[in-house]
Amino acid sequence: MTWDVAKFNQIVDAEEYFEFFKLDYDPQVVHVNRLHILKLFSQYIREIDNNNSAVSQAEKLDLYCTALKQAYEVFLSSTPLQQKLFKVFKQKPNNIVMLTEIATS
């Protein structure tokens, strides 16, 4: 399929990406996991751009389509907490004592 690169570069919403690529999606899944899907999608795009410099823009968009589908599918069977894509999920809070840290004597 031929994609319009200029139109792709104007997309700002998660749903618009799915509509652009004509991918089926559950609006509720996207609503709940929007930022996480987009974050993972952007990581995939970076990998595609870094590893496929010799391919055309149209070929890259085909790879982007697959990447969006993969990012979406991750959150069909996983949660944002399990994926830990954002820094906030990786940091241990300073003001919380975990139950596993409490010694029992």
PDB file of N, CA and C in Angstrom:
ATOM      1  N   MET A   1       0.847  -1.193   0.000  1.00  0.00           N
ATOM      2  CA  MET A   1       0.000   0.000   0.000  1.00  0.00           C
ATOM      3  C   MET A   1       0.885   1.247   0.000  1.00  0.00           C
ATOM      4  N   THR A   2       0.428   2.287  -0.665  1.00  0.00           N
ATOM      5  CA  THR A   2       1.175   3.534  -0.720  1.00  0.00           C
ATOM      6  C   THR A   2       0.639   4.491   0.332  1.00  0.00           C
ATOM      7  N   TRP A   3       1.549   5.019   1.131  1.00  0.00           N
ATOM      8  CA  TRP A   3       1.174   5.928   2.212  1.00  0.00           C
ATOM      9  C   TRP A   3       1.566   7.360   1.851  1.00  0.00           C
ATOM     10  N   ASP A   4       0.858   8.318   2.401  1.00  0.00           N
ATOM     11  CA  ASP A   4       1.155   9.735   2.212  1.00  0.00           C
ATOM     12  C   ASP A   4       2.040  10.196   3.377  1.00  0.00           C
ATOM     13  N   VAL A   5       3.335  10.391   3.103  1.00  0.00           N
ATOM     14  CA  VAL A   5       4.311  10.744   4.134  1.00  0.00           C
ATOM     15  C   VAL A   5       3.953  12.071   4.800  1.00  0.00           C
ATOM     16  N   ALA A   6       3.538  13.043   4.012  1.00  0.00           N
ATOM     17  CA  ALA A   6       3.188  14.355   4.564  1.00  0.00           C
ATOM     18  C   ALA A   6       2.024  14.231   5.553  1.00  0.00           C
ATOM     19  N   LYS A   7       1.048  13.411   5.208  1.00  0.00           N
ATOM     20  CA  LYS A   7      -0.099  13.216   6.106  1.00  0.00           C
ATOM     21  C   LYS A   7       0.346  12.507   7.393  1.00  0.00           C
ATOM     22  N   PHE A   8       1.210  11.500   7.250  1.00  0.00           N
ATOM     23  CA  PHE A   8       1.719  10.791   8.420  1.00  0.00           C
ATOM     24  C   PHE A   8       2.401  11.763   9.379  1.00  0.00           C
ATOM     25  N   ASN A   9       3.185  12.674   8.847  1.00  0.00           N
ATOM     26  CA  ASN A   9       3.937  13.619   9.676  1.00  0.00           C
ATOM     27  C   ASN A   9       3.046  14.622  10.394  1.00  0.00           C
ATOM     28  N   GLN A  10       1.777  14.714  10.031  1.00  0.00           N
ATOM     29  CA  GLN A  10       0.841  15.642  10.667  1.00  0.00           C
ATOM     30  C   GLN A  10      -0.002  14.980  11.758  1.00  0.00           C
ATOM     31  N   ILE A  11       0.091  13.687  11.889  1.00  0.00           N
ATOM     32  CA  ILE A  11      -0.746  12.964  12.860  1.00  0.00           C
ATOM     33  C   ILE A  11      -0.310  13.295  14.282  1.00  0.00           C
ATOM     34  N   VAL A  12      -1.301  13.502  15.161  1.00  0.00           N
ATOM     35  CA  VAL A  12      -0.999  13.808  16.558  1.00  0.00           C
ATOM     36  C   VAL A  12      -1.695  12.869  17.552  1.00  0.00           C
ATOM     37  N   ASP A  13      -2.762  12.211  17.154  1.00  0.00           N
ATOM     38  CA  ASP A  13      -3.520  11.349  18.063  1.00  0.00           C
ATOM     39  C   ASP A  13      -3.310   9.879  17.739  1.00  0.00           C
ATOM     40  N   ALA A  14      -3.361   9.047  18.760  1.00  0.00           N
ATOM     41  CA  ALA A  14      -3.180   7.606  18.584  1.00  0.00           C
ATOM     42  C   ALA A  14      -4.195   7.042  17.593  1.00  0.00           C
ATOM     43  N   GLU A  15      -5.450   7.438  17.741  1.00  0.00           N
ATOM     44  CA  GLU A  15      -6.489   6.926  16.850  1.00  0.00           C
ATOM     45  C   GLU A  15      -6.213   7.287  15.391  1.00  0.00           C
ATOM     46  N   GLU A  16      -5.634   8.464  15.180  1.00  0.00           N
ATOM     47  CA  GLU A  16      -5.321   8.888  13.814  1.00  0.00           C
ATOM     48  C   GLU A  16      -4.284   7.966  13.179  1.00  0.00           C
ATOM     49  N   TYR A  17      -3.331   7.475  13.958  1.00  0.00           N
ATOM     50  CA  TYR A  17      -2.346   6.533  13.420  1.00  0.00           C
ATOM     51  C   TYR A  17      -3.035   5.242  12.966  1.00  0.00           C
ATOM     52  N   PHE A  18      -3.942   4.742  13.797  1.00  0.00           N
ATOM     53  CA  PHE A  18      -4.657   3.518  13.431  1.00  0.00           C
ATOM     54  C   PHE A  18      -5.502   3.731  12.178  1.00  0.00           C
ATOM     55  N   GLU A  19      -6.153   4.885  12.092  1.00  0.00           N
ATOM     56  CA  GLU A  19      -6.973   5.183  10.924  1.00  0.00           C
ATOM     57  C   GLU A  19      -6.102   5.382   9.685  1.00  0.00           C
ATOM     58  N   PHE A  20      -4.963   6.048   9.840  1.00  0.00           N
ATOM     59  CA  PHE A  20      -4.046   6.263   8.718  1.00  0.00           C
ATOM     60  C   PHE A  20      -3.595   4.934   8.120  1.00  0.00           C
ATOM     61  N   PHE A  21      -3.226   3.998   8.998  1.00  0.00           N
ATOM     62  CA  PHE A  21      -2.746   2.695   8.541  1.00  0.00           C
ATOM     63  C   PHE A  21      -3.874   1.692   8.289  1.00  0.00           C
ATOM     64  N   LYS A  22      -5.113   2.125   8.543  1.00  0.00           N
ATOM     65  CA  LYS A  22      -6.299   1.266   8.353  1.00  0.00           C
ATOM     66  C   LYS A  22      -6.192  -0.024   9.178  1.00  0.00           C
ATOM     67  N   LEU A  23      -5.758   0.147  10.431  1.00  0.00           N
ATOM     68  CA  LEU A  23      -5.637  -0.983  11.355  1.00  0.00           C
ATOM     69  C   LEU A  23      -6.853  -1.029  12.270  1.00  0.00           C
ATOM     70  N   ASP A  24      -7.373  -2.221  12.490  1.00  0.00           N
ATOM     71  CA  ASP A  24      -8.462  -2.396  13.447  1.00  0.00           C
ATOM     72  C   ASP A  24      -7.900  -2.245  14.854  1.00  0.00           C
ATOM     73  N   TYR A  25      -8.695  -1.658  15.734  1.00  0.00           N
ATOM     74  CA  TYR A  25      -8.280  -1.497  17.125  1.00  0.00           C
ATOM     75  C   TYR A  25      -9.515  -1.353  18.009  1.00  0.00           C
ATOM     76  N   ASP A  26      -9.326  -1.683  19.268  1.00  0.00           N
ATOM     77  CA  ASP A  26     -10.385  -1.514  20.262  1.00  0.00           C
ATOM     78  C   ASP A  26     -10.201  -0.123  20.872  1.00  0.00           C
ATOM     79  N   PRO A  27     -11.162   0.773  20.677  1.00  0.00           N
ATOM     80  CA  PRO A  27     -11.025   2.136  21.204  1.00  0.00           C
ATOM     81  C   PRO A  27     -10.773   2.173  22.721  1.00  0.00           C
ATOM     82  N   GLN A  28     -11.343   1.230  23.457  1.00  0.00           N
ATOM     83  CA  GLN A  28     -11.141   1.204  24.902  1.00  0.00           C
ATOM     84  C   GLN A  28      -9.687   0.871  25.251  1.00  0.00           C
ATOM     85  N   VAL A  29      -9.092  -0.058  24.531  1.00  0.00           N
ATOM     86  CA  VAL A  29      -7.692  -0.419  24.768  1.00  0.00           C
ATOM     87  C   VAL A  29      -6.793   0.782  24.476  1.00  0.00           C
ATOM     88  N   VAL A  30      -7.068   1.467  23.372  1.00  0.00           N
ATOM     89  CA  VAL A  30      -6.268   2.636  23.021  1.00  0.00           C
ATOM     90  C   VAL A  30      -6.489   3.752  24.030  1.00  0.00           C
ATOM     91  N   HIS A  31      -7.720   3.949  24.459  1.00  0.00           N
ATOM     92  CA  HIS A  31      -8.014   5.002  25.436  1.00  0.00           C
ATOM     93  C   HIS A  31      -7.234   4.790  26.732  1.00  0.00           C
ATOM     94  N   VAL A  32      -7.226   3.577  27.219  1.00  0.00           N
ATOM     95  CA  VAL A  32      -6.574   3.270  28.496  1.00  0.00           C
ATOM     96  C   VAL A  32      -5.044   3.266  28.379  1.00  0.00           C
ATOM     97  N   ASN A  33      -4.525   2.837  27.232  1.00  0.00           N
ATOM     98  CA  ASN A  33      -3.075   2.647  27.065  1.00  0.00           C
ATOM     99  C   ASN A  33      -2.440   3.604  26.058  1.00  0.00           C
ATOM    100  N   ARG A  34      -3.123   4.645  25.725  1.00  0.00           N
ATOM    101  CA  ARG A  34      -2.708   5.587  24.676  1.00  0.00           C
ATOM    102  C   ARG A  34      -1.237   5.997  24.757  1.00  0.00           C
ATOM    103  N   LEU A  35      -0.821   6.554  25.880  1.00  0.00           N
ATOM    104  CA  LEU A  35       0.554   7.043  26.011  1.00  0.00           C
ATOM    105  C   LEU A  35       1.571   5.919  25.912  1.00  0.00           C
ATOM    106  N   HIS A  36       1.219   4.784  26.446  1.00  0.00           N
ATOM    107  CA  HIS A  36       2.145   3.647  26.440  1.00  0.00           C
ATOM    108  C   HIS A  36       2.294   3.071  25.031  1.00  0.00           C
ATOM    109  N   ILE A  37       1.191   2.985  24.308  1.00  0.00           N
ATOM    110  CA  ILE A  37       1.246   2.506  22.926  1.00  0.00           C
ATOM    111  C   ILE A  37       2.092   3.467  22.091  1.00  0.00           C
ATOM    112  N   LEU A  38       1.837   4.769  22.250  1.00  0.00           N
ATOM    113  CA  LEU A  38       2.591   5.755  21.481  1.00  0.00           C
ATOM    114  C   LEU A  38       4.074   5.762  21.855  1.00  0.00           C
ATOM    115  N   LYS A  39       4.375   5.584  23.123  1.00  0.00           N
ATOM    116  CA  LYS A  39       5.777   5.538  23.566  1.00  0.00           C
ATOM    117  C   LYS A  39       6.492   4.342  22.935  1.00  0.00           C
ATOM    118  N   LEU A  40       5.874   3.170  23.000  1.00  0.00           N
ATOM    119  CA  LEU A  40       6.479   1.976  22.421  1.00  0.00           C
ATOM    120  C   LEU A  40       6.578   2.122  20.897  1.00  0.00           C
ATOM    121  N   PHE A  41       5.555   2.665  20.271  1.00  0.00           N
ATOM    122  CA  PHE A  41       5.566   2.921  18.834  1.00  0.00           C
ATOM    123  C   PHE A  41       6.733   3.838  18.464  1.00  0.00           C
ATOM    124  N   SER A  42       6.947   4.881  19.247  1.00  0.00           N
ATOM    125  CA  SER A  42       8.048   5.809  18.954  1.00  0.00           C
ATOM    126  C   SER A  42       9.403   5.125  19.118  1.00  0.00           C
ATOM    127  N   GLN A  43       9.518   4.203  20.082  1.00  0.00           N
ATOM    128  CA  GLN A  43      10.766   3.441  20.229  1.00  0.00           C
ATOM    129  C   GLN A  43      10.992   2.555  19.009  1.00  0.00           C
ATOM    130  N   TYR A  44       9.935   1.920  18.544  1.00  0.00           N
ATOM    131  CA  TYR A  44      10.037   1.088  17.338  1.00  0.00           C
ATOM    132  C   TYR A  44      10.421   1.939  16.125  1.00  0.00           C
ATOM    133  N   ILE A  45       9.834   3.126  15.999  1.00  0.00           N
ATOM    134  CA  ILE A  45      10.161   4.022  14.882  1.00  0.00           C
ATOM    135  C   ILE A  45      11.642   4.391  14.915  1.00  0.00           C
ATOM    136  N   ARG A  46      12.149   4.694  16.099  1.00  0.00           N
ATOM    137  CA  ARG A  46      13.575   5.027  16.233  1.00  0.00           C
ATOM    138  C   ARG A  46      14.456   3.877  15.757  1.00  0.00           C
ATOM    139  N   GLU A  47      14.090   2.649  16.168  1.00  0.00           N
ATOM    140  CA  GLU A  47      14.846   1.467  15.737  1.00  0.00           C
ATOM    141  C   GLU A  47      14.778   1.298  14.216  1.00  0.00           C
ATOM    142  N   ILE A  48      13.596   1.487  13.658  1.00  0.00           N
ATOM    143  CA  ILE A  48      13.421   1.371  12.209  1.00  0.00           C
ATOM    144  C   ILE A  48      14.282   2.408  11.501  1.00  0.00           C
ATOM    145  N   ASP A  49      14.227   3.644  11.967  1.00  0.00           N
ATOM    146  CA  ASP A  49      15.004   4.712  11.338  1.00  0.00           C
ATOM    147  C   ASP A  49      16.506   4.461  11.447  1.00  0.00           C
ATOM    148  N   ASN A  50      16.953   3.934  12.583  1.00  0.00           N
ATOM    149  CA  ASN A  50      18.381   3.682  12.785  1.00  0.00           C
ATOM    150  C   ASN A  50      18.900   2.488  11.989  1.00  0.00           C
ATOM    151  N   ASN A  51      18.044   1.513  11.731  1.00  0.00           N
ATOM    152  CA  ASN A  51      18.486   0.276  11.086  1.00  0.00           C
ATOM    153  C   ASN A  51      18.085   0.143   9.623  1.00  0.00           C
ATOM    154  N   ASN A  52      17.385   1.127   9.092  1.00  0.00           N
ATOM    155  CA  ASN A  52      16.882   1.013   7.720  1.00  0.00           C
ATOM    156  C   ASN A  52      17.098   2.303   6.936  1.00  0.00           C
ATOM    157  N   SER A  53      18.295   2.832   6.977  1.00  0.00           N
ATOM    158  CA  SER A  53      18.561   4.107   6.313  1.00  0.00           C
ATOM    159  C   SER A  53      18.487   4.008   4.790  1.00  0.00           C
ATOM    160  N   ALA A  54      18.657   2.820   4.241  1.00  0.00           N
ATOM    161  CA  ALA A  54      18.677   2.655   2.781  1.00  0.00           C
ATOM    162  C   ALA A  54      17.288   2.446   2.169  1.00  0.00           C
ATOM    163  N   VAL A  55      16.256   2.322   2.985  1.00  0.00           N
ATOM    164  CA  VAL A  55      14.914   2.069   2.436  1.00  0.00           C
ATOM    165  C   VAL A  55      14.197   3.385   2.161  1.00  0.00           C
ATOM    166  N   SER A  56      13.228   3.325   1.270  1.00  0.00           N
ATOM    167  CA  SER A  56      12.453   4.522   0.910  1.00  0.00           C
ATOM    168  C   SER A  56      11.502   4.909   2.040  1.00  0.00           C
ATOM    169  N   GLN A  57      10.970   6.123   1.951  1.00  0.00           N
ATOM    170  CA  GLN A  57       9.989   6.583   2.940  1.00  0.00           C
ATOM    171  C   GLN A  57       8.755   5.685   2.928  1.00  0.00           C
ATOM    172  N   ALA A  58       8.338   5.258   1.751  1.00  0.00           N
ATOM    173  CA  ALA A  58       7.163   4.384   1.639  1.00  0.00           C
ATOM    174  C   ALA A  58       7.418   3.052   2.342  1.00  0.00           C
ATOM    175  N   GLU A  59       8.618   2.518   2.161  1.00  0.00           N
ATOM    176  CA  GLU A  59       8.966   1.257   2.830  1.00  0.00           C
ATOM    177  C   GLU A  59       9.036   1.447   4.345  1.00  0.00           C
ATOM    178  N   LYS A  60       9.553   2.609   4.768  1.00  0.00           N
ATOM    179  CA  LYS A  60       9.583   2.893   6.208  1.00  0.00           C
ATOM    180  C   LYS A  60       8.174   2.955   6.774  1.00  0.00           C
ATOM    181  N   LEU A  61       7.265   3.571   6.039  1.00  0.00           N
ATOM    182  CA  LEU A  61       5.884   3.656   6.519  1.00  0.00           C
ATOM    183  C   LEU A  61       5.254   2.271   6.625  1.00  0.00           C
ATOM    184  N   ASP A  62       5.605   1.377   5.736  1.00  0.00           N
ATOM    185  CA  ASP A  62       5.132  -0.009   5.857  1.00  0.00           C
ATOM    186  C   ASP A  62       5.651  -0.622   7.160  1.00  0.00           C
ATOM    187  N   LEU A  63       6.919  -0.365   7.461  1.00  0.00           N
ATOM    188  CA  LEU A  63       7.507  -0.873   8.713  1.00  0.00           C
ATOM    189  C   LEU A  63       6.856  -0.200   9.919  1.00  0.00           C
ATOM    190  N   TYR A  64       6.550   1.087   9.796  1.00  0.00           N
ATOM    191  CA  TYR A  64       5.870   1.806  10.882  1.00  0.00           C
ATOM    192  C   TYR A  64       4.493   1.202  11.156  1.00  0.00           C
ATOM    193  N   CYS A  65       3.798   0.827  10.095  1.00  0.00           N
ATOM    194  CA  CYS A  65       2.484   0.210  10.237  1.00  0.00           C
ATOM    195  C   CYS A  65       2.593  -1.066  11.070  1.00  0.00           C
ATOM    196  N   THR A  66       3.561  -1.881  10.737  1.00  0.00           N
ATOM    197  CA  THR A  66       3.790  -3.121  11.493  1.00  0.00           C
ATOM    198  C   THR A  66       4.166  -2.793  12.934  1.00  0.00           C
ATOM    199  N   ALA A  67       4.971  -1.761  13.120  1.00  0.00           N
ATOM    200  CA  ALA A  67       5.404  -1.353  14.463  1.00  0.00           C
ATOM    201  C   ALA A  67       4.223  -0.905  15.318  1.00  0.00           C
ATOM    202  N   LEU A  68       3.311  -0.143  14.731  1.00  0.00           N
ATOM    203  CA  LEU A  68       2.132   0.298  15.485  1.00  0.00           C
ATOM    204  C   LEU A  68       1.282  -0.896  15.886  1.00  0.00           C
ATOM    205  N   LYS A  69       1.108  -1.808  14.970  1.00  0.00           N
ATOM    206  CA  LYS A  69       0.328  -3.020  15.275  1.00  0.00           C
ATOM    207  C   LYS A  69       0.976  -3.800  16.417  1.00  0.00           C
ATOM    208  N   GLN A  70       2.293  -3.932  16.378  1.00  0.00           N
ATOM    209  CA  GLN A  70       3.015  -4.649  17.433  1.00  0.00           C
ATOM    210  C   GLN A  70       2.885  -3.926  18.768  1.00  0.00           C
ATOM    211  N   ALA A  71       3.035  -2.602  18.762  1.00  0.00           N
ATOM    212  CA  ALA A  71       2.922  -1.827  20.002  1.00  0.00           C
ATOM    213  C   ALA A  71       1.533  -1.987  20.614  1.00  0.00           C
ATOM    214  N   TYR A  72       0.517  -1.950  19.775  1.00  0.00           N
ATOM    215  CA  TYR A  72      -0.859  -2.125  20.237  1.00  0.00           C
ATOM    216  C   TYR A  72      -1.053  -3.523  20.826  1.00  0.00           C
ATOM    217  N   GLU A  73      -0.550  -4.535  20.129  1.00  0.00           N
ATOM    218  CA  GLU A  73      -0.739  -5.921  20.570  1.00  0.00           C
ATOM    219  C   GLU A  73      -0.049  -6.207  21.904  1.00  0.00           C
ATOM    220  N   VAL A  74       1.022  -5.503  22.207  1.00  0.00           N
ATOM    221  CA  VAL A  74       1.690  -5.671  23.496  1.00  0.00           C
ATOM    222  C   VAL A  74       0.698  -5.393  24.620  1.00  0.00           C
ATOM    223  N   PHE A  75      -0.125  -4.366  24.445  1.00  0.00           N
ATOM    224  CA  PHE A  75      -1.038  -3.967  25.516  1.00  0.00           C
ATOM    225  C   PHE A  75      -2.384  -4.695  25.480  1.00  0.00           C
ATOM    226  N   LEU A  76      -2.518  -5.632  24.562  1.00  0.00           N
ATOM    227  CA  LEU A  76      -3.676  -6.525  24.611  1.00  0.00           C
ATOM    228  C   LEU A  76      -3.452  -7.613  25.648  1.00  0.00           C
ATOM    229  N   SER A  77      -2.194  -7.920  25.928  1.00  0.00           N
ATOM    230  CA  SER A  77      -1.885  -9.001  26.866  1.00  0.00           C
ATOM    231  C   SER A  77      -0.974  -8.563  28.006  1.00  0.00           C
ATOM    232  N   SER A  78      -0.686  -7.288  28.101  1.00  0.00           N
ATOM    233  CA  SER A  78       0.215  -6.793  29.130  1.00  0.00           C
ATOM    234  C   SER A  78      -0.312  -5.465  29.665  1.00  0.00           C
ATOM    235  N   THR A  79       0.288  -5.000  30.749  1.00  0.00           N
ATOM    236  CA  THR A  79      -0.131  -3.731  31.333  1.00  0.00           C
ATOM    237  C   THR A  79       1.019  -2.729  31.270  1.00  0.00           C
ATOM    238  N   PRO A  80       0.707  -1.444  31.385  1.00  0.00           N
ATOM    239  CA  PRO A  80       1.773  -0.445  31.422  1.00  0.00           C
ATOM    240  C   PRO A  80       2.770  -0.701  32.555  1.00  0.00           C
ATOM    241  N   LEU A  81       2.273  -1.155  33.684  1.00  0.00           N
ATOM    242  CA  LEU A  81       3.157  -1.433  34.816  1.00  0.00           C
ATOM    243  C   LEU A  81       4.130  -2.561  34.493  1.00  0.00           C
ATOM    244  N   GLN A  82       3.671  -3.565  33.778  1.00  0.00           N
ATOM    245  CA  GLN A  82       4.557  -4.667  33.394  1.00  0.00           C
ATOM    246  C   GLN A  82       5.588  -4.225  32.360  1.00  0.00           C
ATOM    247  N   GLN A  83       5.214  -3.326  31.476  1.00  0.00           N
ATOM    248  CA  GLN A  83       6.113  -2.878  30.414  1.00  0.00           C
ATOM    249  C   GLN A  83       7.140  -1.848  30.892  1.00  0.00           C
ATOM    250  N   LYS A  84       6.766  -1.031  31.864  1.00  0.00           N
ATOM    251  CA  LYS A  84       7.650  -0.017  32.446  1.00  0.00           C
ATOM    252  C   LYS A  84       8.354   0.838  31.385  1.00  0.00           C
ATOM    253  N   LEU A  85       7.584   1.434  30.503  1.00  0.00           N
ATOM    254  CA  LEU A  85       8.141   2.256  29.429  1.00  0.00           C
ATOM    255  C   LEU A  85       8.550   3.645  29.891  1.00  0.00           C
ATOM    256  N   PHE A  86       7.900   4.137  30.936  1.00  0.00           N
ATOM    257  CA  PHE A  86       8.178   5.482  31.408  1.00  0.00           C
ATOM    258  C   PHE A  86       9.030   5.444  32.670  1.00  0.00           C
ATOM    259  N   LYS A  87       9.828   6.471  32.843  1.00  0.00           N
ATOM    260  CA  LYS A  87      10.765   6.567  33.965  1.00  0.00           C
ATOM    261  C   LYS A  87      10.065   6.398  35.318  1.00  0.00           C
ATOM    262  N   VAL A  88       8.866   6.924  35.430  1.00  0.00           N
ATOM    263  CA  VAL A  88       8.137   6.862  36.697  1.00  0.00           C
ATOM    264  C   VAL A  88       7.912   5.424  37.160  1.00  0.00           C
ATOM    265  N   PHE A  89       7.793   4.496  36.228  1.00  0.00           N
ATOM    266  CA  PHE A  89       7.585   3.094  36.591  1.00  0.00           C
ATOM    267  C   PHE A  89       8.880   2.411  37.021  1.00  0.00           C
ATOM    268  N   LYS A  90      10.005   3.018  36.676  1.00  0.00           N
ATOM    269  CA  LYS A  90      11.302   2.411  36.981  1.00  0.00           C
ATOM    270  C   LYS A  90      11.882   2.925  38.294  1.00  0.00           C
ATOM    271  N   GLN A  91      11.393   4.055  38.763  1.00  0.00           N
ATOM    272  CA  GLN A  91      11.934   4.661  39.973  1.00  0.00           C
ATOM    273  C   GLN A  91      11.274   4.091  41.216  1.00  0.00           C
ATOM    274  N   LYS A  92      12.089   3.892  42.232  1.00  0.00           N
ATOM    275  CA  LYS A  92      11.561   3.465  43.526  1.00  0.00           C
ATOM    276  C   LYS A  92      11.280   4.724  44.340  1.00  0.00           C
ATOM    277  N   PRO A  93      10.066   4.867  44.848  1.00  0.00           N
ATOM    278  CA  PRO A  93       9.750   6.048  45.658  1.00  0.00           C
ATOM    279  C   PRO A  93      10.617   6.090  46.910  1.00  0.00           C
ATOM    280  N   ASN A  94      11.049   7.286  47.294  1.00  0.00           N
ATOM    281  CA  ASN A  94      11.900   7.457  48.475  1.00  0.00           C
ATOM    282  C   ASN A  94      11.108   7.408  49.782  1.00  0.00           C
ATOM    283  N   ASN A  95       9.854   7.707  49.738  1.00  0.00           N
ATOM    284  CA  ASN A  95       9.063   7.830  50.952  1.00  0.00           C
ATOM    285  C   ASN A  95       8.184   6.612  51.240  1.00  0.00           C
ATOM    286  N   ILE A  96       8.499   5.486  50.642  1.00  0.00           N
ATOM    287  CA  ILE A  96       7.679   4.289  50.840  1.00  0.00           C
ATOM    288  C   ILE A  96       8.573   3.148  51.316  1.00  0.00           C
ATOM    289  N   VAL A  97       8.087   2.439  52.323  1.00  0.00           N
ATOM    290  CA  VAL A  97       8.777   1.242  52.794  1.00  0.00           C
ATOM    291  C   VAL A  97       7.984   0.044  52.291  1.00  0.00           C
ATOM    292  N   MET A  98       8.648  -0.799  51.558  1.00  0.00           N
ATOM    293  CA  MET A  98       7.991  -1.984  51.003  1.00  0.00           C
ATOM    294  C   MET A  98       7.845  -3.037  52.108  1.00  0.00           C
ATOM    295  N   LEU A  99       6.782  -3.812  52.047  1.00  0.00           N
ATOM    296  CA  LEU A  99       6.571  -4.879  53.025  1.00  0.00           C
ATOM    297  C   LEU A  99       7.740  -5.862  53.048  1.00  0.00           C
ATOM    298  N   THR A 100       8.345  -6.073  51.921  1.00  0.00           N
ATOM    299  CA  THR A 100       9.473  -7.017  51.854  1.00  0.00           C
ATOM    300  C   THR A 100      10.714  -6.488  52.551  1.00  0.00           C
ATOM    301  N   GLU A 101      10.735  -5.161  52.835  1.00  0.00           N
ATOM    302  CA  GLU A 101      11.880  -4.556  53.510  1.00  0.00           C
ATOM    303  C   GLU A 101      11.734  -4.552  55.041  1.00  0.00           C
ATOM    304  N   ILE A 102      10.581  -4.938  55.531  1.00  0.00           N
ATOM    305  CA  ILE A 102      10.334  -4.950  56.970  1.00  0.00           C
ATOM    306  C   ILE A 102      10.786  -6.288  57.522  1.00  0.00           C
ATOM    307  N   ALA A 103      11.724  -6.228  58.458  1.00  0.00           N
ATOM    308  CA  ALA A 103      12.252  -7.458  59.055  1.00  0.00           C
ATOM    309  C   ALA A 103      11.288  -7.951  60.123  1.00  0.00           C
ATOM    310  N   THR A 104      11.089  -9.257  60.133  1.00  0.00           N
ATOM    311  CA  THR A 104      10.270  -9.863  61.177  1.00  0.00           C
ATOM    312  C   THR A 104      11.179 -10.697  62.064  1.00  0.00           C
ATOM    313  N   SER A 105      11.056 -10.491  63.353  1.00  0.00           N
ATOM    314  CA  SER A 105      11.917 -11.234  64.283  1.00  0.00           C
ATOM    315  C   SER A 105      11.097 -12.088  65.208  1.00  0.00           C
TER     316      SER A 105
END
